[in-house]
C-alpha cells in the first residue's frame, strides 16, 4: 500500500531521533534486526507430546504453540509470523546462541545453548505487546538523579487525559525513570513484561536501540485496535517507488476514532507531551511528534531498515492485533 504522505525525522539532543507525525500518520522507526533460520529435527515423545532436538544444542529446550485470543485456528502465515517475532526477540535480547524453529504444523521450538531459568524463558515467550502510549518525559539512556522539574509528583483525584503529567508522572515514577538504565534495553526492568498488567498505568521504557528512555502514559490504542499491518516499498504521492521500506498500519473503525482523538489532543501540547510512542514488548520503537490530527486511521512507519526488518515489525503488529499468546507445551532442561 502506498503511503499517504512523506515523512522526515530530525535528530535531537543526545543522538535521539524525534520524528514528525503529519497527515498520513508516519512514524520514525528504530531498526529491528533478525537472526538466521536454523534447522531442527522433530520427534514425538513417549507420551505422544512433541519433542525436538536441535543439532549442536545441549541447553534448555522449550516447545510453545501460538494461539489467538479468540481461539480461531491460526493460518500458516500467522504461525510464520510467530516464528519471526520470536527471532526478533532473541536478537533484541542479545541472546547469543538461542535458536528458533517451527516444529510440525503449529509448534515452535526455542533452544537455548545452556540452561535457561524461568525469567529468561518468560522474557522470550511472554505476551505479544503492541500499543500506542503518550510520552510524559524523555532523556538519555543512562541512570541519573531524579529531577524535580518534570511534573509536580502530586497525584490528583483523576487525570484530565492520558497525558496528565501531574497525575501520572508521580514522584515514584520519576525515581524509576531516573534510575532506569537503557544502555541494554532488552534486559532493562519491565522489558518483555505482561502488557495487560500495565495498560492503565504509566510506565518507564527504553528505546529499542538504547538511545533514550521514556516515561509513558497509559495505553491509548492497544494492539487490537490494529486491523492489519503490511510492508512494502515507499511510494510517493507522485507515484515514484523509492528504495525505503515502510510498514503501513490500518486501524479498525474504533481505532481510527481513538487515534483521531489522541492526535487532536497531542497536536496542541508542548514537547515532549506532543509525542506518541509505538511500544513493542515494552520497548519504544518510535516516538514522533504530532503536529495535526490524523483522521484517516492509516499509520505509516518508516526508517532505515531492510525488507526483513519491515517484515518483522509487520508480523509483530499483526500478532498483537490478533491477541496472539505463546502457550508453553513443554520445557526440557539438560
Protein backbone atom coordinates (compact mmCIF):
# COMPACT_ATOMS: atom_id res chain seq x y z
CA UNK A 1 0.00 0.00 0.00
CA UNK A 2 1.35 3.42 -0.93
CA UNK A 3 1.95 5.93 1.84
CA UNK A 4 -0.46 8.85 2.08
CA UNK A 5 2.22 11.44 2.85
CA UNK A 6 6.00 11.69 3.04
CA UNK A 7 7.79 11.69 6.39
CA UNK A 8 11.00 13.21 7.57
CA UNK A 9 12.58 12.82 11.01
CA UNK A 10 15.05 15.21 12.58
CA UNK A 11 17.82 14.44 15.10
CA UNK A 12 17.57 15.85 18.61
CA UNK A 13 19.86 16.20 21.62
CA UNK A 14 21.84 13.14 22.58
CA UNK A 15 21.51 11.45 19.21
CA UNK A 16 17.83 10.61 19.72
CA UNK A 17 15.53 10.87 16.75
CA UNK A 18 12.23 12.62 17.34
CA UNK A 19 10.00 12.06 14.34
CA UNK A 20 7.33 14.31 12.98
CA UNK A 21 3.82 12.88 12.64
CA UNK A 22 1.83 14.51 9.84
CA UNK A 23 -1.35 13.99 7.78
CA UNK A 24 -0.63 10.45 6.60
CA UNK A 25 0.49 9.45 10.10
CA UNK A 26 4.07 8.36 9.57
CA UNK A 27 6.21 7.10 12.42
CA UNK A 28 10.00 7.04 12.50
CA UNK A 29 11.25 3.59 13.37
CA UNK A 30 14.36 2.31 15.03
CA UNK A 31 15.91 -0.58 13.16
CA UNK A 32 14.96 -4.10 14.14
CA UNK A 33 17.17 -6.95 13.01
CA UNK A 34 16.65 -10.66 12.66
CA UNK A 35 18.62 -13.83 13.20
CA UNK A 36 19.20 -16.64 10.76
CA UNK A 37 16.95 -19.65 10.29
CA UNK A 38 18.11 -22.85 11.95
CA UNK A 39 17.31 -26.42 11.08
CA UNK A 40 15.67 -28.73 13.61
CA UNK A 41 14.58 -32.37 13.57
CA UNK A 42 11.28 -33.14 15.37
CA UNK A 43 10.34 -36.40 17.04
CA UNK A 44 7.36 -37.42 19.16
CA UNK A 45 7.95 -38.09 22.84
CA UNK A 46 6.93 -41.38 24.51
CA UNK A 47 3.56 -39.94 25.50
CA UNK A 48 2.89 -38.52 22.05
CA UNK A 49 3.85 -34.97 23.07
CA UNK A 50 6.17 -33.04 20.76
CA UNK A 51 9.86 -33.19 21.47
CA UNK A 52 12.71 -31.92 19.35
CA UNK A 53 16.45 -31.97 19.05
CA UNK A 54 18.50 -29.07 17.71
CA UNK A 55 21.79 -30.32 16.38
CA UNK A 56 24.65 -29.00 18.50
CA UNK A 57 22.37 -27.65 21.25
CA UNK A 58 22.69 -29.08 24.76
CA UNK A 59 20.74 -26.48 26.73
CA UNK A 60 17.12 -25.86 27.69
CA UNK A 61 14.53 -26.59 25.01
CA UNK A 62 11.06 -25.04 25.09
CA UNK A 63 8.17 -26.03 22.85
CA UNK A 64 5.35 -23.47 22.53
CA UNK A 65 2.17 -23.22 20.49
CA UNK A 66 0.90 -19.84 19.25
CA UNK A 67 -2.84 -19.34 19.81
CA UNK A 68 -5.19 -16.48 19.07
CA UNK A 69 -7.17 -14.73 21.80
CA UNK A 70 -10.40 -15.68 20.00
CA UNK A 71 -9.28 -19.35 19.78
CA UNK A 72 -9.60 -19.28 15.99
CA UNK A 73 -7.28 -21.55 14.01
CA UNK A 74 -4.05 -19.86 13.01
CA UNK A 75 -3.13 -19.60 9.36
CA UNK A 76 0.27 -20.70 8.10
CA UNK A 77 1.13 -17.03 7.70
CA UNK A 78 0.30 -16.33 11.35
CA UNK A 79 2.48 -19.21 12.50
CA UNK A 80 5.32 -17.92 10.34
CA UNK A 81 4.79 -14.51 11.94
CA UNK A 82 5.06 -16.03 15.42
CA UNK A 83 8.40 -17.64 14.50
CA UNK A 84 9.60 -14.36 13.06
CA UNK A 85 8.72 -12.28 16.11
CA UNK A 86 10.46 -14.79 18.42
CA UNK A 87 13.62 -14.49 16.36
CA UNK A 88 13.29 -10.73 16.63
CA UNK A 89 13.05 -11.01 20.42
CA UNK A 90 16.14 -13.22 20.52
CA UNK A 91 18.12 -10.63 18.62
CA UNK A 92 16.82 -7.71 20.68
CA UNK A 93 17.72 -9.54 23.91
CA UNK A 94 21.26 -10.24 22.68
CA UNK A 95 20.53 -13.88 23.49
CA UNK A 96 23.52 -15.39 21.72
CA UNK A 97 23.13 -19.00 20.63
CA UNK A 98 19.33 -19.18 21.09
CA UNK A 99 17.72 -20.85 18.08
CA UNK A 100 14.08 -20.72 16.98
CA UNK A 101 12.40 -23.08 14.52
CA UNK A 102 8.97 -24.41 13.63
CA UNK A 103 8.18 -27.97 14.72
CA UNK A 104 5.44 -29.81 12.85
CA UNK A 105 2.39 -27.81 11.80
CA UNK A 106 1.88 -25.46 14.74
CA UNK A 107 4.59 -25.80 17.39
CA UNK A 108 7.68 -23.63 17.81
CA UNK A 109 10.94 -24.79 19.39
CA UNK A 110 13.15 -22.35 21.28
CA UNK A 111 16.53 -23.95 22.01
CA UNK A 112 18.97 -22.30 24.42
CA UNK A 113 22.70 -23.07 24.28
CA UNK A 114 22.83 -23.51 28.06
CA UNK A 115 20.43 -23.94 30.96
CA UNK A 116 17.80 -21.17 30.93
CA UNK A 117 15.91 -20.07 34.04
CA UNK A 118 12.22 -19.17 34.08
CA UNK A 119 12.74 -15.37 33.76
CA UNK A 120 14.80 -15.92 30.61
CA UNK A 121 12.09 -18.15 29.17
CA UNK A 122 9.32 -15.72 30.12
CA UNK A 123 11.19 -12.80 28.56
CA UNK A 124 11.24 -14.50 25.15
CA UNK A 125 7.84 -16.21 25.29
CA UNK A 126 5.78 -13.54 27.06
CA UNK A 127 2.60 -11.97 25.66
CA UNK A 128 2.84 -10.13 22.36
CA UNK A 129 2.61 -6.39 23.04
CA UNK A 130 1.94 -3.65 20.54
CA UNK A 131 0.39 -0.35 21.65
CA UNK A 132 0.47 3.43 21.39
CA UNK A 133 1.19 5.44 24.56
CA UNK A 134 1.63 9.21 25.12
CA UNK A 135 5.08 10.45 26.11
CA UNK A 136 5.40 12.15 29.50
CA UNK A 137 9.18 12.57 29.62
CA UNK A 138 12.28 11.59 27.67
CA UNK A 139 16.01 11.67 28.41
CA UNK A 140 19.28 9.95 27.58
CA UNK A 141 19.62 6.23 28.35
CA UNK A 142 21.96 6.45 31.35
CA UNK A 143 20.81 6.39 35.01
CA UNK A 144 20.60 9.82 36.65
CA UNK A 145 19.46 11.61 39.77
CA UNK A 146 15.68 12.28 39.92
CA UNK A 147 14.69 15.68 38.55
CA UNK A 148 12.09 17.81 40.27
CA UNK A 149 11.29 19.96 37.22
CA UNK A 150 9.22 17.43 35.27
CA UNK A 151 5.76 17.07 36.76
CA UNK A 152 4.76 18.06 40.26
CA UNK A 153 4.76 14.50 41.57
CA UNK A 154 1.43 15.13 43.27
CA UNK A 155 -1.43 12.82 42.40
CA UNK A 156 -4.75 14.50 41.66
CA UNK A 157 -8.08 12.75 42.13
CA UNK A 158 -8.40 11.86 38.46
CA UNK A 159 -6.45 12.57 35.25
CA UNK A 160 -7.53 15.16 32.72
CA UNK A 161 -6.17 12.90 29.95
CA UNK A 162 -3.59 10.14 29.44
CA UNK A 163 -1.06 12.99 29.06
CA UNK A 164 -1.82 14.46 32.51
CA UNK A 165 1.74 14.74 33.80
CA UNK A 166 0.71 15.78 37.33
CA UNK A 167 -1.43 12.68 37.73
CA UNK A 168 0.75 10.08 36.04
CA UNK A 169 4.32 11.33 36.48
CA UNK A 170 4.40 10.84 40.24
CA UNK A 171 7.43 11.12 42.49
CA UNK A 172 7.74 7.33 42.47
CA UNK A 173 7.63 7.13 38.69
CA UNK A 174 10.23 9.91 38.45
CA UNK A 175 12.53 7.83 40.64
CA UNK A 176 12.02 4.79 38.40
CA UNK A 177 12.62 6.92 35.32
CA UNK A 178 15.84 8.39 36.69
CA UNK A 179 17.20 5.02 37.82
CA UNK A 180 16.36 3.20 34.58
CA UNK A 181 19.43 2.10 32.64
CA UNK A 182 18.63 1.72 28.94
CA UNK A 183 22.13 1.09 27.65
CA UNK A 184 20.99 -2.55 27.25
CA UNK A 185 17.28 -2.00 26.61
CA UNK A 186 16.12 -5.61 26.17
CA UNK A 187 17.35 -6.53 29.67
CA UNK A 188 16.02 -3.39 31.40
CA UNK A 189 13.35 -3.83 34.10
CA UNK A 190 9.92 -4.17 32.52
CA UNK A 191 11.14 -5.21 29.07
CA UNK A 192 9.05 -8.16 28.00
CA UNK A 193 6.63 -7.71 30.92
CA UNK A 194 2.97 -8.64 30.55
CA UNK A 195 1.32 -5.60 28.88
CA UNK A 196 -2.03 -6.43 30.49
CA UNK A 197 -0.53 -5.60 33.89
CA UNK A 198 0.26 -2.01 32.93
CA UNK A 199 -2.20 -0.93 30.24
CA UNK A 200 -3.95 1.55 32.56
CA UNK A 201 -0.79 2.74 34.30
CA UNK A 202 2.11 5.00 33.45
CA UNK A 203 5.36 3.11 32.84
CA UNK A 204 9.01 3.70 32.07
CA UNK A 205 10.51 2.13 28.95
CA UNK A 206 13.66 2.11 26.87
CA UNK A 207 14.10 2.98 23.22
CA UNK A 208 14.64 -0.28 21.37
CA UNK A 209 18.04 0.89 20.13
CA UNK A 210 19.18 2.08 23.56
CA UNK A 211 19.32 5.75 22.52
CA UNK A 212 16.83 7.10 25.06
CA UNK A 213 14.45 6.30 27.88
CA UNK A 214 10.83 7.35 28.29
CA UNK A 215 8.12 7.86 30.86
CA UNK A 216 4.84 6.94 29.15
CA UNK A 217 1.19 7.42 29.99
CA UNK A 218 -1.40 4.63 29.84
CA UNK A 219 -2.22 2.81 26.60
CA UNK A 220 -4.26 4.95 24.21
CA UNK A 221 -4.53 2.34 21.46
CA UNK A 222 -3.94 -1.36 22.16
CA UNK A 223 -2.74 -3.83 19.56
CA UNK A 224 -6.32 -4.95 19.00
CA UNK A 225 -7.05 -1.51 17.50
CA UNK A 226 -4.96 -2.61 14.52
CA UNK A 227 -6.90 -4.10 11.61
CA UNK A 228 -3.86 -5.05 9.53
CA UNK A 229 -0.17 -4.28 9.19
CA UNK A 230 1.66 -4.68 5.88
CA UNK A 231 5.02 -3.70 4.47
CA UNK A 232 6.37 -2.58 1.13
CA UNK A 233 8.42 -0.02 -0.74
CA UNK A 234 7.76 3.63 -0.06
CA UNK A 235 5.70 5.10 -2.91
CA UNK A 236 5.47 8.88 -3.06
CA UNK A 237 2.30 10.85 -3.76
CA UNK A 238 3.64 11.28 -7.31
CA UNK A 239 3.81 7.51 -7.79
CA UNK A 240 7.60 7.16 -7.57
CA UNK A 241 8.76 3.96 -5.85
CA UNK A 242 11.71 4.57 -3.51
CA UNK A 243 14.22 2.15 -2.04
CA UNK A 244 12.94 2.73 1.51
CA UNK A 245 10.87 0.03 3.18
CA UNK A 246 7.84 1.06 5.23
CA UNK A 247 5.21 -0.60 7.40
CA UNK A 248 1.63 0.54 6.90
CA UNK A 249 -0.82 0.05 9.77
CA UNK A 250 -4.55 0.25 9.12
CA UNK A 251 -6.65 0.78 12.24
CA UNK A 252 -10.07 -0.61 12.99
CA UNK A 253 -13.07 1.73 12.99
CA UNK A 254 -12.82 2.16 16.76
CA UNK A 255 -9.05 2.54 16.50
CA UNK A 256 -9.41 5.23 13.82
CA UNK A 257 -11.70 7.27 16.09
CA UNK A 258 -9.44 6.84 19.11
CA UNK A 259 -6.31 7.78 17.13
CA UNK A 260 -8.03 10.86 15.71
CA UNK A 261 -8.98 11.99 19.22
CA UNK A 262 -5.50 11.24 20.58
CA UNK A 263 -3.66 13.10 17.82
CA UNK A 264 -6.06 16.04 18.11
CA UNK A 265 -5.13 16.36 21.80
CA UNK A 266 -1.38 15.88 21.32
CA UNK A 267 -1.07 18.35 18.43
CA UNK A 268 -1.54 21.36 20.74
CA UNK A 269 0.80 20.22 23.54
CA UNK A 270 4.40 21.28 24.09
CA UNK A 271 7.34 18.92 23.68
CA UNK A 272 7.70 16.14 24.76
CA UNK A 273 3.99 15.84 25.60
CA UNK A 274 3.19 16.16 21.89
CA UNK A 275 4.88 12.82 21.19
CA UNK A 276 3.21 9.42 20.91
CA UNK A 277 5.19 6.22 21.34
CA UNK A 278 4.74 2.98 19.45
CA UNK A 279 5.65 0.36 22.04
CA UNK A 280 6.53 -3.26 21.30
CA UNK A 281 7.39 -5.65 24.13
CA UNK A 282 7.71 -2.63 26.46
CA UNK A 283 10.37 -1.13 24.18
CA UNK A 284 9.77 2.11 22.28
CA UNK A 285 10.10 1.63 18.53
CA UNK A 286 9.31 5.24 17.66
CA UNK A 287 8.10 8.38 19.42
CA UNK A 288 7.24 11.02 16.80
CA UNK A 289 5.77 14.44 17.49
CA UNK A 290 2.19 15.09 16.43
CA UNK A 291 1.53 18.34 14.55
CA UNK A 292 -2.02 17.76 13.35
CA UNK A 293 -4.94 15.44 13.86
CA UNK A 294 -4.80 12.13 11.96
CA UNK A 295 -8.38 11.29 10.95
CA UNK A 296 -7.98 8.51 8.36
CA UNK A 297 -6.79 5.58 10.53
CA UNK A 298 -3.66 4.92 8.47
CA UNK A 299 -0.27 4.99 10.20
CA UNK A 300 2.98 4.55 8.33
CA UNK A 301 6.25 3.57 9.98
CA UNK A 302 9.40 4.47 8.10
CA UNK A 303 13.10 4.42 8.82
CA UNK A 304 16.47 3.00 7.85
CA UNK A 305 15.67 -0.68 7.76
CA UNK A 306 15.68 -3.60 5.38
CA UNK A 307 12.88 -5.66 3.89
CA UNK A 308 13.40 -8.24 6.67
CA UNK A 309 13.18 -5.51 9.32
CA UNK A 310 9.89 -4.25 7.91
CA UNK A 311 8.53 -7.79 7.62
CA UNK A 312 9.40 -8.49 11.27
CA UNK A 313 7.63 -5.38 12.57
CA UNK A 314 4.53 -6.03 10.44
CA UNK A 315 4.44 -9.61 11.72
CA UNK A 316 4.67 -8.43 15.32
CA UNK A 317 1.89 -5.86 14.92
CA UNK A 318 -0.38 -8.40 13.24
CA UNK A 319 0.28 -10.80 16.11
CA UNK A 320 -0.61 -8.06 18.59
CA UNK A 321 -3.77 -7.34 16.60
CA UNK A 322 -4.94 -10.95 16.92
CA UNK A 323 -4.08 -11.10 20.63
CA UNK A 324 -1.52 -13.84 19.99
CA UNK A 325 -0.34 -15.82 23.01
CA UNK A 326 2.53 -18.32 23.06
CA UNK A 327 1.37 -21.29 25.16
CA UNK A 328 4.29 -23.31 26.54
CA UNK A 329 3.77 -27.04 25.99
CA UNK A 330 6.98 -28.37 27.48
CA UNK A 331 10.29 -27.28 28.99
CA UNK A 332 13.19 -29.73 28.79
CA UNK A 333 16.19 -28.95 30.95
CA UNK A 334 19.61 -30.56 30.28
